[in-house]
């Protein structure tokens, strides 16, 4: 199974492409590490949405796993971030999962990452997207009926 992990911050979607085959994860090369929404108008959102959809289609990803953000409080996500999330969720024929921090921690507790992040070849800013994708893949690989 191949998925995109997504971490939304402000007007950026940080991406990590990750696949799991026979219990071993692989990090395929991906042409984009992040997508930025420069224009918050409807036209800009549609452009972001079509760019994201093309990226997912080109890499034949089975799902997009978005790291859930708080909707209120000190660490709440921005309004633009929620627009980006909605734009991704509304892409036709795309399996989108919003994966919460509690579920991520539980999955990582049961299936810790066996390689230090520094050895993955990813940029440091991609760590939350990688962790989200890894935790979801491991949770669904070892407990698909939950």
C-alpha atoms as a PDB file:
ATOM      1  CA  UNK A   1       0.000   0.000   0.000  1.00  0.00           C
ATOM      2  CA  UNK A   2       1.293   3.453  -0.909  1.00  0.00           C
ATOM      3  CA  UNK A   3       0.144   6.594   0.914  1.00  0.00           C
ATOM      4  CA  UNK A   4       0.901  10.285   1.155  1.00  0.00           C
ATOM      5  CA  UNK A   5       1.372  11.591   4.683  1.00  0.00           C
ATOM      6  CA  UNK A   6       0.324  15.234   4.931  1.00  0.00           C
ATOM      7  CA  UNK A   7       1.049  17.801   7.622  1.00  0.00           C
ATOM      8  CA  UNK A   8      -0.748  21.126   7.173  1.00  0.00           C
ATOM      9  CA  UNK A   9       0.786  24.283   8.593  1.00  0.00           C
ATOM     10  CA  UNK A  10      -0.472  27.731   7.656  1.00  0.00           C
ATOM     11  CA  UNK A  11      -0.656  27.793   3.837  1.00  0.00           C
ATOM     12  CA  UNK A  12       1.601  24.759   3.252  1.00  0.00           C
ATOM     13  CA  UNK A  13       1.012  21.053   2.886  1.00  0.00           C
ATOM     14  CA  UNK A  14       4.154  19.099   3.775  1.00  0.00           C
ATOM     15  CA  UNK A  15       4.204  15.726   2.039  1.00  0.00           C
ATOM     16  CA  UNK A  16       5.821  12.335   2.491  1.00  0.00           C
ATOM     17  CA  UNK A  17       5.248   9.421   0.137  1.00  0.00           C
ATOM     18  CA  UNK A  18       5.499   6.106   1.969  1.00  0.00           C
ATOM     19  CA  UNK A  19       4.729   2.523   1.005  1.00  0.00           C
ATOM     20  CA  UNK A  20       4.449  -0.675   2.988  1.00  0.00           C
ATOM     21  CA  UNK A  21       5.159  -4.010   1.312  1.00  0.00           C
ATOM     22  CA  UNK A  22       5.354  -7.283   3.228  1.00  0.00           C
ATOM     23  CA  UNK A  23       5.764  -5.457   6.537  1.00  0.00           C
ATOM     24  CA  UNK A  24       8.677  -3.323   5.291  1.00  0.00           C
ATOM     25  CA  UNK A  25       8.262   0.388   4.599  1.00  0.00           C
ATOM     26  CA  UNK A  26       9.841   2.146   1.620  1.00  0.00           C
ATOM     27  CA  UNK A  27      10.247   5.849   0.947  1.00  0.00           C
ATOM     28  CA  UNK A  28       9.952   6.300  -2.834  1.00  0.00           C
ATOM     29  CA  UNK A  29      11.321   9.447  -4.446  1.00  0.00           C
ATOM     30  CA  UNK A  30       8.706  12.155  -4.838  1.00  0.00           C
ATOM     31  CA  UNK A  31       8.962  15.299  -6.948  1.00  0.00           C
ATOM     32  CA  UNK A  32       7.308  17.468  -4.273  1.00  0.00           C
ATOM     33  CA  UNK A  33       8.075  17.779  -0.589  1.00  0.00           C
ATOM     34  CA  UNK A  34       5.543  20.520  -0.001  1.00  0.00           C
ATOM     35  CA  UNK A  35       2.795  22.363  -1.791  1.00  0.00           C
ATOM     36  CA  UNK A  36       2.117  25.995  -0.987  1.00  0.00           C
ATOM     37  CA  UNK A  37      -1.117  27.907  -1.424  1.00  0.00           C
ATOM     38  CA  UNK A  38       0.015  31.319  -2.666  1.00  0.00           C
ATOM     39  CA  UNK A  39      -3.446  32.663  -3.505  1.00  0.00           C
ATOM     40  CA  UNK A  40      -6.292  32.042  -1.026  1.00  0.00           C
ATOM     41  CA  UNK A  41      -9.023  32.875  -3.541  1.00  0.00           C
ATOM     42  CA  UNK A  42     -11.299  30.214  -5.008  1.00  0.00           C
ATOM     43  CA  UNK A  43      -9.080  30.088  -8.100  1.00  0.00           C
ATOM     44  CA  UNK A  44      -5.978  29.520  -5.948  1.00  0.00           C
ATOM     45  CA  UNK A  45      -7.688  26.735  -3.972  1.00  0.00           C
ATOM     46  CA  UNK A  46      -8.798  25.012  -7.176  1.00  0.00           C
ATOM     47  CA  UNK A  47      -5.242  25.227  -8.500  1.00  0.00           C
ATOM     48  CA  UNK A  48      -3.875  23.724  -5.254  1.00  0.00           C
ATOM     49  CA  UNK A  49      -6.514  20.994  -5.388  1.00  0.00           C
ATOM     50  CA  UNK A  50      -5.748  20.045  -9.000  1.00  0.00           C
ATOM     51  CA  UNK A  51      -1.978  20.073  -8.340  1.00  0.00           C
ATOM     52  CA  UNK A  52      -2.454  17.801  -5.323  1.00  0.00           C
ATOM     53  CA  UNK A  53      -4.799  15.465  -7.236  1.00  0.00           C
ATOM     54  CA  UNK A  54      -2.290  15.202 -10.106  1.00  0.00           C
ATOM     55  CA  UNK A  55       0.529  14.383  -7.678  1.00  0.00           C
ATOM     56  CA  UNK A  56      -1.498  11.613  -6.008  1.00  0.00           C
ATOM     57  CA  UNK A  57      -2.574  10.202  -9.381  1.00  0.00           C
ATOM     58  CA  UNK A  58       0.981  10.272 -10.791  1.00  0.00           C
ATOM     59  CA  UNK A  59       2.323   8.257  -7.864  1.00  0.00           C
ATOM     60  CA  UNK A  60      -0.743   5.966  -7.735  1.00  0.00           C
ATOM     61  CA  UNK A  61      -1.199   6.469  -3.994  1.00  0.00           C
ATOM     62  CA  UNK A  62      -3.931   4.418  -2.346  1.00  0.00           C
ATOM     63  CA  UNK A  63      -4.712   6.996   0.347  1.00  0.00           C
ATOM     64  CA  UNK A  64      -3.865  10.407   1.756  1.00  0.00           C
ATOM     65  CA  UNK A  65      -3.350  10.533   5.515  1.00  0.00           C
ATOM     66  CA  UNK A  66      -3.701  14.018   7.005  1.00  0.00           C
ATOM     67  CA  UNK A  67      -2.370  14.750  10.480  1.00  0.00           C
ATOM     68  CA  UNK A  68      -5.327  16.126  12.451  1.00  0.00           C
ATOM     69  CA  UNK A  69      -4.957  19.583  13.969  1.00  0.00           C
ATOM     70  CA  UNK A  70      -6.743  21.169  16.874  1.00  0.00           C
ATOM     71  CA  UNK A  71      -9.685  23.346  15.903  1.00  0.00           C
ATOM     72  CA  UNK A  72      -9.327  25.675  18.881  1.00  0.00           C
ATOM     73  CA  UNK A  73      -6.884  26.554  21.604  1.00  0.00           C
ATOM     74  CA  UNK A  74      -3.256  27.610  21.712  1.00  0.00           C
ATOM     75  CA  UNK A  75      -2.100  25.150  19.021  1.00  0.00           C
ATOM     76  CA  UNK A  76      -5.128  25.477  16.753  1.00  0.00           C
ATOM     77  CA  UNK A  77      -4.712  25.161  13.005  1.00  0.00           C
ATOM     78  CA  UNK A  78      -5.125  28.243  10.849  1.00  0.00           C
ATOM     79  CA  UNK A  79      -8.208  28.977   8.780  1.00  0.00           C
ATOM     80  CA  UNK A  80      -6.170  28.579   5.591  1.00  0.00           C
ATOM     81  CA  UNK A  81      -4.971  25.175   6.811  1.00  0.00           C
ATOM     82  CA  UNK A  82      -8.556  24.028   7.204  1.00  0.00           C
ATOM     83  CA  UNK A  83      -9.289  25.292   3.679  1.00  0.00           C
ATOM     84  CA  UNK A  84      -6.412  23.172   2.400  1.00  0.00           C
ATOM     85  CA  UNK A  85      -7.731  20.157   4.290  1.00  0.00           C
ATOM     86  CA  UNK A  86     -11.185  20.634   2.787  1.00  0.00           C
ATOM     87  CA  UNK A  87      -9.715  21.042  -0.708  1.00  0.00           C
ATOM     88  CA  UNK A  88      -7.854  17.737  -0.326  1.00  0.00           C
ATOM     89  CA  UNK A  89     -10.858  15.926   1.170  1.00  0.00           C
ATOM     90  CA  UNK A  90     -13.082  17.042  -1.712  1.00  0.00           C
ATOM     91  CA  UNK A  91     -10.901  15.529  -4.445  1.00  0.00           C
ATOM     92  CA  UNK A  92     -13.066  12.977  -6.254  1.00  0.00           C
ATOM     93  CA  UNK A  93     -12.168   9.282  -5.909  1.00  0.00           C
ATOM     94  CA  UNK A  94      -9.465   9.930  -3.319  1.00  0.00           C
ATOM     95  CA  UNK A  95      -9.338   8.010  -0.052  1.00  0.00           C
ATOM     96  CA  UNK A  96      -8.566  10.691   2.566  1.00  0.00           C
ATOM     97  CA  UNK A  97      -8.120   9.876   6.254  1.00  0.00           C
ATOM     98  CA  UNK A  98      -7.713  12.451   9.013  1.00  0.00           C
ATOM     99  CA  UNK A  99      -5.549  10.702  11.605  1.00  0.00           C
ATOM    100  CA  UNK A 100      -5.538  12.096  15.147  1.00  0.00           C
ATOM    101  CA  UNK A 101      -2.503  12.622  17.403  1.00  0.00           C
ATOM    102  CA  UNK A 102      -3.776  10.123  19.980  1.00  0.00           C
ATOM    103  CA  UNK A 103      -4.118   7.402  17.341  1.00  0.00           C
ATOM    104  CA  UNK A 104      -0.661   8.237  15.990  1.00  0.00           C
ATOM    105  CA  UNK A 105       0.924   7.932  19.447  1.00  0.00           C
ATOM    106  CA  UNK A 106      -0.854   4.638  20.104  1.00  0.00           C
ATOM    107  CA  UNK A 107       0.230   3.171  16.771  1.00  0.00           C
ATOM    108  CA  UNK A 108       3.846   4.303  17.309  1.00  0.00           C
ATOM    109  CA  UNK A 109       3.815   2.806  20.807  1.00  0.00           C
ATOM    110  CA  UNK A 110       2.764  -0.559  19.381  1.00  0.00           C
ATOM    111  CA  UNK A 111       4.988  -0.332  16.282  1.00  0.00           C
ATOM    112  CA  UNK A 112       7.971   1.942  16.929  1.00  0.00           C
ATOM    113  CA  UNK A 113       9.930   3.271  13.958  1.00  0.00           C
ATOM    114  CA  UNK A 114      12.954   0.993  13.634  1.00  0.00           C
ATOM    115  CA  UNK A 115      15.190   3.518  11.848  1.00  0.00           C
ATOM    116  CA  UNK A 116      16.255   6.928  13.188  1.00  0.00           C
ATOM    117  CA  UNK A 117      14.507   9.648  11.195  1.00  0.00           C
ATOM    118  CA  UNK A 118      17.866  11.161  10.207  1.00  0.00           C
ATOM    119  CA  UNK A 119      18.617   7.984   8.215  1.00  0.00           C
ATOM    120  CA  UNK A 120      15.444   8.109   6.106  1.00  0.00           C
ATOM    121  CA  UNK A 121      16.824  10.655   3.648  1.00  0.00           C
ATOM    122  CA  UNK A 122      13.872  12.973   4.247  1.00  0.00           C
ATOM    123  CA  UNK A 123      14.128  16.625   5.252  1.00  0.00           C
ATOM    124  CA  UNK A 124      13.524  17.470   8.905  1.00  0.00           C
ATOM    125  CA  UNK A 125      10.339  19.424   8.093  1.00  0.00           C
ATOM    126  CA  UNK A 126       8.840  16.213   6.631  1.00  0.00           C
ATOM    127  CA  UNK A 127       9.015  14.314   9.930  1.00  0.00           C
ATOM    128  CA  UNK A 128       5.379  14.959  11.019  1.00  0.00           C
ATOM    129  CA  UNK A 129       4.091  13.856   7.581  1.00  0.00           C
ATOM    130  CA  UNK A 130       6.315  10.748   7.659  1.00  0.00           C
ATOM    131  CA  UNK A 131       5.267   9.853  11.209  1.00  0.00           C
ATOM    132  CA  UNK A 132       1.592  10.242  10.307  1.00  0.00           C
ATOM    133  CA  UNK A 133       1.864   8.015   7.235  1.00  0.00           C
ATOM    134  CA  UNK A 134       3.987   5.411   9.043  1.00  0.00           C
ATOM    135  CA  UNK A 135       1.659   5.218  12.058  1.00  0.00           C
ATOM    136  CA  UNK A 136      -1.421   4.821   9.851  1.00  0.00           C
ATOM    137  CA  UNK A 137       0.203   2.170   7.653  1.00  0.00           C
ATOM    138  CA  UNK A 138       1.376   0.173  10.656  1.00  0.00           C
ATOM    139  CA  UNK A 139      -1.994   0.436  12.398  1.00  0.00           C
ATOM    140  CA  UNK A 140      -3.820  -0.794   9.307  1.00  0.00           C
ATOM    141  CA  UNK A 141      -1.240  -3.443   8.480  1.00  0.00           C
ATOM    142  CA  UNK A 142      -1.344  -5.090  11.894  1.00  0.00           C
ATOM    143  CA  UNK A 143      -4.954  -4.355  12.852  1.00  0.00           C
ATOM    144  CA  UNK A 144      -7.030  -3.820   9.677  1.00  0.00           C
ATOM    145  CA  UNK A 145     -10.327  -4.604  11.390  1.00  0.00           C
ATOM    146  CA  UNK A 146     -10.083  -1.882  14.058  1.00  0.00           C
END
